[in-house]
N, C-alpha and C. Protein backbone atom coordinates (compact mmCIF):
# COMPACT_ATOMS: atom_id res chain seq x y z
N MET A 1 71.54 81.67 -34.99
CA MET A 1 70.18 82.04 -35.37
C MET A 1 69.96 83.50 -34.98
N SER A 2 69.31 84.25 -35.79
CA SER A 2 69.04 85.66 -35.51
C SER A 2 67.97 85.79 -34.44
N ASP A 3 68.11 86.82 -33.64
CA ASP A 3 67.09 87.12 -32.65
C ASP A 3 65.94 87.82 -33.38
N PRO A 4 64.73 87.22 -33.40
CA PRO A 4 63.62 87.81 -34.15
C PRO A 4 63.22 89.18 -33.64
N LYS A 5 63.59 89.52 -32.41
CA LYS A 5 63.22 90.82 -31.86
C LYS A 5 64.12 91.92 -32.37
N THR A 6 65.34 91.58 -32.77
CA THR A 6 66.30 92.61 -33.16
C THR A 6 66.67 92.58 -34.63
N TYR A 7 66.32 91.53 -35.36
CA TYR A 7 66.72 91.43 -36.76
C TYR A 7 65.93 92.43 -37.60
N ASP A 8 66.64 93.23 -38.35
CA ASP A 8 66.02 94.19 -39.27
C ASP A 8 66.62 93.97 -40.64
N PRO A 9 65.86 93.39 -41.58
CA PRO A 9 66.45 93.07 -42.88
C PRO A 9 66.93 94.29 -43.64
N MET A 10 66.37 95.46 -43.36
CA MET A 10 66.79 96.65 -44.08
C MET A 10 68.08 97.24 -43.50
N ARG A 11 68.44 96.81 -42.28
CA ARG A 11 69.68 97.29 -41.68
C ARG A 11 70.79 96.26 -41.81
N ALA A 12 70.47 95.09 -42.32
CA ALA A 12 71.49 94.06 -42.49
C ALA A 12 72.55 94.54 -43.47
N ARG A 13 73.73 94.04 -43.31
CA ARG A 13 74.83 94.48 -44.17
C ARG A 13 74.53 94.14 -45.62
N VAL A 14 74.79 95.09 -46.48
CA VAL A 14 74.57 94.92 -47.91
C VAL A 14 75.92 95.06 -48.59
N PRO A 15 76.34 94.04 -49.36
CA PRO A 15 77.63 94.16 -50.04
C PRO A 15 77.61 95.32 -51.02
N LYS A 16 78.77 95.95 -51.16
CA LYS A 16 78.89 97.05 -52.13
C LYS A 16 78.96 96.45 -53.53
N GLY A 17 78.53 97.22 -54.51
CA GLY A 17 78.56 96.75 -55.88
C GLY A 17 77.30 95.98 -56.24
N GLU A 18 77.28 95.53 -57.45
CA GLU A 18 76.11 94.81 -57.96
C GLU A 18 76.18 93.34 -57.57
N ARG A 19 75.02 92.79 -57.32
CA ARG A 19 74.91 91.35 -57.09
C ARG A 19 75.11 90.66 -58.44
N PRO A 20 75.80 89.53 -58.48
CA PRO A 20 76.00 88.87 -59.77
C PRO A 20 74.65 88.48 -60.39
N THR A 21 74.59 88.53 -61.69
CA THR A 21 73.37 88.12 -62.39
C THR A 21 73.65 86.86 -63.18
N PHE A 22 72.65 86.03 -63.28
CA PHE A 22 72.79 84.76 -63.98
C PHE A 22 71.78 84.62 -65.11
N PHE A 23 70.70 85.37 -65.06
CA PHE A 23 69.62 85.23 -66.03
C PHE A 23 69.34 86.58 -66.69
N ASP A 24 68.74 86.54 -67.86
CA ASP A 24 68.40 87.78 -68.57
C ASP A 24 67.32 88.58 -67.85
N ASP A 25 66.41 87.88 -67.21
CA ASP A 25 65.30 88.54 -66.51
C ASP A 25 65.68 88.75 -65.04
N PRO A 26 65.72 90.00 -64.57
CA PRO A 26 66.10 90.25 -63.17
C PRO A 26 65.16 89.58 -62.16
N SER A 27 63.92 89.36 -62.55
CA SER A 27 62.98 88.69 -61.64
C SER A 27 63.42 87.26 -61.35
N ILE A 28 63.97 86.61 -62.35
CA ILE A 28 64.45 85.25 -62.15
C ILE A 28 65.65 85.25 -61.23
N ASP A 29 66.54 86.24 -61.37
CA ASP A 29 67.67 86.36 -60.45
C ASP A 29 67.19 86.56 -59.01
N ARG A 30 66.18 87.42 -58.82
CA ARG A 30 65.65 87.64 -57.47
C ARG A 30 65.08 86.34 -56.90
N LEU A 31 64.36 85.61 -57.73
CA LEU A 31 63.82 84.32 -57.29
C LEU A 31 64.95 83.37 -56.94
N TRP A 32 66.02 83.40 -57.69
CA TRP A 32 67.20 82.57 -57.43
C TRP A 32 67.76 82.90 -56.04
N TRP A 33 67.90 84.20 -55.72
CA TRP A 33 68.46 84.59 -54.43
C TRP A 33 67.53 84.22 -53.28
N VAL A 34 66.23 84.33 -53.50
CA VAL A 34 65.27 83.92 -52.47
C VAL A 34 65.40 82.41 -52.24
N THR A 35 65.51 81.65 -53.31
CA THR A 35 65.65 80.20 -53.22
C THR A 35 66.91 79.83 -52.45
N LEU A 36 68.02 80.51 -52.74
CA LEU A 36 69.26 80.23 -52.02
C LEU A 36 69.13 80.57 -50.54
N ALA A 37 68.44 81.67 -50.22
CA ALA A 37 68.23 82.02 -48.81
C ALA A 37 67.41 80.94 -48.11
N LEU A 38 66.38 80.45 -48.78
CA LEU A 38 65.57 79.37 -48.22
C LEU A 38 66.39 78.10 -48.03
N LEU A 39 67.22 77.79 -49.00
CA LEU A 39 68.05 76.61 -48.90
C LEU A 39 68.96 76.68 -47.68
N GLY A 40 69.54 77.85 -47.44
CA GLY A 40 70.37 78.03 -46.26
C GLY A 40 69.58 77.83 -44.98
N GLU A 41 68.39 78.39 -44.93
CA GLU A 41 67.54 78.24 -43.75
C GLU A 41 67.15 76.78 -43.53
N VAL A 42 66.75 76.10 -44.60
CA VAL A 42 66.29 74.71 -44.47
C VAL A 42 67.43 73.80 -44.05
N THR A 43 68.62 73.96 -44.63
CA THR A 43 69.72 73.07 -44.26
C THR A 43 70.12 73.29 -42.80
N THR A 44 70.13 74.53 -42.34
CA THR A 44 70.43 74.81 -40.94
C THR A 44 69.37 74.19 -40.04
N LEU A 45 68.12 74.37 -40.40
CA LEU A 45 67.01 73.82 -39.62
C LEU A 45 67.10 72.30 -39.55
N ARG A 46 67.37 71.65 -40.67
CA ARG A 46 67.47 70.18 -40.68
C ARG A 46 68.61 69.69 -39.80
N ASP A 47 69.75 70.37 -39.85
CA ASP A 47 70.88 69.99 -38.99
C ASP A 47 70.51 70.11 -37.52
N ARG A 48 69.86 71.21 -37.16
CA ARG A 48 69.49 71.42 -35.76
C ARG A 48 68.41 70.42 -35.32
N LEU A 49 67.45 70.17 -36.16
CA LEU A 49 66.40 69.20 -35.84
C LEU A 49 67.01 67.81 -35.65
N ASP A 50 67.92 67.44 -36.53
CA ASP A 50 68.58 66.14 -36.41
C ASP A 50 69.32 66.04 -35.08
N ALA A 51 70.01 67.11 -34.69
CA ALA A 51 70.74 67.10 -33.42
C ALA A 51 69.77 66.93 -32.25
N HIS A 52 68.65 67.63 -32.28
CA HIS A 52 67.67 67.52 -31.20
C HIS A 52 67.09 66.11 -31.13
N GLU A 53 66.73 65.55 -32.26
CA GLU A 53 66.15 64.21 -32.27
C GLU A 53 67.16 63.17 -31.77
N ARG A 54 68.42 63.29 -32.18
CA ARG A 54 69.44 62.34 -31.73
C ARG A 54 69.72 62.48 -30.24
N LEU A 55 69.77 63.72 -29.75
CA LEU A 55 69.98 63.93 -28.31
C LEU A 55 68.81 63.40 -27.50
N ALA A 56 67.60 63.63 -27.97
CA ALA A 56 66.42 63.14 -27.25
C ALA A 56 66.41 61.62 -27.21
N ALA A 57 66.71 60.99 -28.33
CA ALA A 57 66.74 59.53 -28.36
C ALA A 57 67.87 59.00 -27.48
N ARG A 58 69.02 59.63 -27.54
CA ARG A 58 70.19 59.20 -26.76
C ARG A 58 69.89 59.25 -25.25
N HIS A 59 69.13 60.25 -24.82
CA HIS A 59 68.86 60.44 -23.40
C HIS A 59 67.46 59.96 -22.99
N GLY A 60 66.71 59.39 -23.92
CA GLY A 60 65.38 58.88 -23.61
C GLY A 60 64.41 59.96 -23.14
N LEU A 61 64.51 61.15 -23.69
CA LEU A 61 63.69 62.27 -23.24
C LEU A 61 62.28 62.27 -23.80
N PHE A 62 62.15 62.03 -25.08
CA PHE A 62 60.83 62.01 -25.71
C PHE A 62 60.92 61.23 -27.01
N THR A 63 59.73 60.92 -27.54
CA THR A 63 59.66 60.12 -28.76
C THR A 63 59.12 60.96 -29.92
N ALA A 64 59.19 60.39 -31.10
CA ALA A 64 58.62 61.07 -32.27
C ALA A 64 57.12 61.28 -32.09
N ALA A 65 56.44 60.37 -31.43
CA ALA A 65 55.00 60.51 -31.18
C ALA A 65 54.74 61.71 -30.27
N ASP A 66 55.62 61.95 -29.30
CA ASP A 66 55.47 63.13 -28.44
C ASP A 66 55.55 64.41 -29.28
N VAL A 67 56.47 64.43 -30.21
CA VAL A 67 56.62 65.60 -31.08
C VAL A 67 55.38 65.77 -31.94
N ASP A 68 54.86 64.67 -32.48
CA ASP A 68 53.69 64.73 -33.35
C ASP A 68 52.45 65.26 -32.64
N THR A 69 52.34 65.04 -31.34
CA THR A 69 51.15 65.46 -30.61
C THR A 69 51.37 66.72 -29.78
N PHE A 70 52.52 67.35 -29.92
CA PHE A 70 52.86 68.56 -29.16
C PHE A 70 51.89 69.69 -29.50
N GLU A 71 51.45 70.42 -28.46
CA GLU A 71 50.63 71.62 -28.63
C GLU A 71 51.31 72.78 -27.90
N ALA A 72 51.62 73.83 -28.63
CA ALA A 72 52.34 74.98 -28.07
C ALA A 72 51.44 75.80 -27.16
N THR A 73 52.05 76.38 -26.12
CA THR A 73 51.33 77.32 -25.26
C THR A 73 51.19 78.64 -26.04
N GLU A 74 50.44 79.57 -25.47
CA GLU A 74 50.29 80.88 -26.13
C GLU A 74 51.63 81.57 -26.30
N ASP A 75 52.46 81.55 -25.25
CA ASP A 75 53.78 82.17 -25.33
C ASP A 75 54.67 81.49 -26.37
N GLU A 76 54.62 80.18 -26.39
CA GLU A 76 55.40 79.43 -27.38
C GLU A 76 54.93 79.73 -28.80
N ALA A 77 53.61 79.80 -28.97
CA ALA A 77 53.05 80.12 -30.29
C ALA A 77 53.47 81.52 -30.73
N ALA A 78 53.48 82.47 -29.78
CA ALA A 78 53.91 83.84 -30.11
C ALA A 78 55.38 83.87 -30.49
N ALA A 79 56.21 83.12 -29.77
CA ALA A 79 57.63 83.05 -30.10
C ALA A 79 57.83 82.43 -31.48
N ARG A 80 57.06 81.40 -31.79
CA ARG A 80 57.15 80.78 -33.12
C ARG A 80 56.74 81.77 -34.21
N ALA A 81 55.69 82.53 -33.95
CA ALA A 81 55.23 83.51 -34.93
C ALA A 81 56.30 84.56 -35.19
N ALA A 82 56.96 85.02 -34.13
CA ALA A 82 58.03 86.02 -34.28
C ALA A 82 59.19 85.44 -35.08
N GLU A 83 59.56 84.21 -34.78
CA GLU A 83 60.66 83.57 -35.53
C GLU A 83 60.26 83.35 -36.98
N ARG A 84 59.01 82.99 -37.21
CA ARG A 84 58.52 82.81 -38.58
C ARG A 84 58.60 84.12 -39.36
N GLN A 85 58.21 85.23 -38.71
CA GLN A 85 58.27 86.53 -39.37
C GLN A 85 59.72 86.90 -39.70
N ALA A 86 60.63 86.63 -38.78
CA ALA A 86 62.05 86.91 -39.04
C ALA A 86 62.56 86.06 -40.20
N LEU A 87 62.12 84.81 -40.27
CA LEU A 87 62.51 83.94 -41.37
C LEU A 87 62.01 84.48 -42.71
N VAL A 88 60.77 84.92 -42.74
CA VAL A 88 60.20 85.49 -43.96
C VAL A 88 61.00 86.72 -44.38
N GLU A 89 61.33 87.57 -43.44
CA GLU A 89 62.10 88.78 -43.75
C GLU A 89 63.49 88.44 -44.27
N ARG A 90 64.16 87.48 -43.63
CA ARG A 90 65.49 87.08 -44.10
C ARG A 90 65.41 86.46 -45.49
N THR A 91 64.39 85.64 -45.71
CA THR A 91 64.25 84.93 -46.97
C THR A 91 63.94 85.87 -48.12
N LEU A 92 63.10 86.85 -47.87
CA LEU A 92 62.69 87.78 -48.93
C LEU A 92 63.59 89.01 -49.02
N ARG A 93 64.71 88.98 -48.34
CA ARG A 93 65.62 90.13 -48.29
C ARG A 93 66.02 90.61 -49.68
N ALA A 94 66.28 89.68 -50.61
CA ALA A 94 66.69 90.06 -51.96
C ALA A 94 65.64 90.94 -52.64
N ILE A 95 64.39 90.70 -52.30
CA ILE A 95 63.31 91.48 -52.90
C ILE A 95 63.06 92.76 -52.11
N THR A 96 63.05 92.66 -50.78
CA THR A 96 62.72 93.84 -49.98
C THR A 96 63.76 94.94 -50.11
N ILE A 97 65.00 94.58 -50.34
CA ILE A 97 66.04 95.60 -50.55
C ILE A 97 65.70 96.42 -51.79
N GLU A 98 65.29 95.75 -52.85
CA GLU A 98 64.95 96.46 -54.09
C GLU A 98 63.68 97.28 -53.92
N VAL A 99 62.72 96.75 -53.20
CA VAL A 99 61.48 97.50 -52.97
C VAL A 99 61.79 98.76 -52.17
N GLU A 100 62.62 98.63 -51.13
CA GLU A 100 62.97 99.80 -50.31
C GLU A 100 63.75 100.82 -51.14
N ALA A 101 64.67 100.35 -51.99
CA ALA A 101 65.43 101.27 -52.84
C ALA A 101 64.50 102.01 -53.80
N ALA A 102 63.53 101.30 -54.35
CA ALA A 102 62.57 101.94 -55.27
C ALA A 102 61.72 102.95 -54.51
N ARG A 103 61.33 102.60 -53.28
CA ARG A 103 60.53 103.53 -52.47
C ARG A 103 61.33 104.80 -52.18
N ARG A 104 62.60 104.62 -51.82
CA ARG A 104 63.44 105.78 -51.53
C ARG A 104 63.64 106.63 -52.78
N ALA A 105 63.86 105.96 -53.92
CA ALA A 105 64.05 106.69 -55.17
C ALA A 105 62.77 107.46 -55.52
N GLY A 106 61.63 106.85 -55.30
CA GLY A 106 60.36 107.52 -55.56
C GLY A 106 60.16 108.72 -54.66
N ALA A 107 60.51 108.58 -53.39
CA ALA A 107 60.38 109.70 -52.45
C ALA A 107 61.33 110.83 -52.84
N GLU A 108 62.53 110.49 -53.27
CA GLU A 108 63.50 111.51 -53.70
C GLU A 108 62.98 112.22 -54.95
N GLY A 109 62.41 111.46 -55.88
CA GLY A 109 61.85 112.07 -57.08
C GLY A 109 60.70 113.01 -56.76
N GLN A 110 59.84 112.60 -55.82
CA GLN A 110 58.73 113.46 -55.41
C GLN A 110 59.24 114.74 -54.76
N ARG A 111 60.29 114.63 -53.94
CA ARG A 111 60.87 115.81 -53.29
C ARG A 111 61.42 116.77 -54.34
N ARG A 112 62.10 116.24 -55.35
CA ARG A 112 62.67 117.09 -56.40
C ARG A 112 61.58 117.80 -57.19
N VAL A 113 60.50 117.10 -57.49
CA VAL A 113 59.38 117.72 -58.21
C VAL A 113 58.81 118.85 -57.37
N GLN A 114 58.64 118.61 -56.07
CA GLN A 114 58.09 119.65 -55.18
C GLN A 114 59.03 120.85 -55.13
N GLU A 115 60.34 120.59 -55.04
CA GLU A 115 61.31 121.70 -55.03
C GLU A 115 61.24 122.50 -56.33
N ASP A 116 61.12 121.80 -57.46
CA ASP A 116 61.01 122.48 -58.76
C ASP A 116 59.76 123.34 -58.81
N GLU A 117 58.65 122.79 -58.30
CA GLU A 117 57.39 123.55 -58.29
C GLU A 117 57.51 124.77 -57.38
N ASP A 118 58.13 124.60 -56.23
CA ASP A 118 58.29 125.70 -55.29
C ASP A 118 59.22 126.79 -55.85
N ALA A 119 60.17 126.39 -56.66
CA ALA A 119 61.15 127.34 -57.20
C ALA A 119 60.64 128.06 -58.44
N SER A 120 59.55 127.58 -59.03
CA SER A 120 59.05 128.23 -60.23
C SER A 120 58.48 129.62 -59.88
N PRO A 121 58.50 130.55 -60.81
CA PRO A 121 58.07 131.93 -60.52
C PRO A 121 56.66 132.01 -59.97
N SER A 122 55.77 131.21 -60.46
CA SER A 122 54.38 131.32 -59.99
C SER A 122 54.15 130.47 -58.74
N GLY A 123 55.11 129.54 -58.45
CA GLY A 123 54.93 128.65 -57.30
C GLY A 123 53.92 127.56 -57.58
N ALA A 124 53.36 127.54 -58.77
CA ALA A 124 52.34 126.54 -59.10
C ALA A 124 52.87 125.54 -60.10
N GLY A 125 54.12 125.56 -60.44
CA GLY A 125 54.69 124.57 -61.35
C GLY A 125 54.63 125.06 -62.71
């Protein structure tokens, strides 16, 4: 599991080359990748939850009713919120990478326009 304090989706390794496409509309492909990321998260979570429930039952530690009535402390709630944020970032990575690339491309385009304006004889474009 990623440490929510150190995980940065924009610094995560990005494979070189194009991501495979399956649909004519790139938005559907992005949704596909988000869905696959969620599927990975959910299957991992279910496996871990199953292990915890089986260990608790095996050792008589707590019951399902205890889990149903559990109330998190402030620190526990904050830790959950941080993990939830990290999950959202990991899940939406397919989209945020494209948004960041578009932002960078836009900033580069703005810089070039400014350089062109500065280089013009009148300096006013």
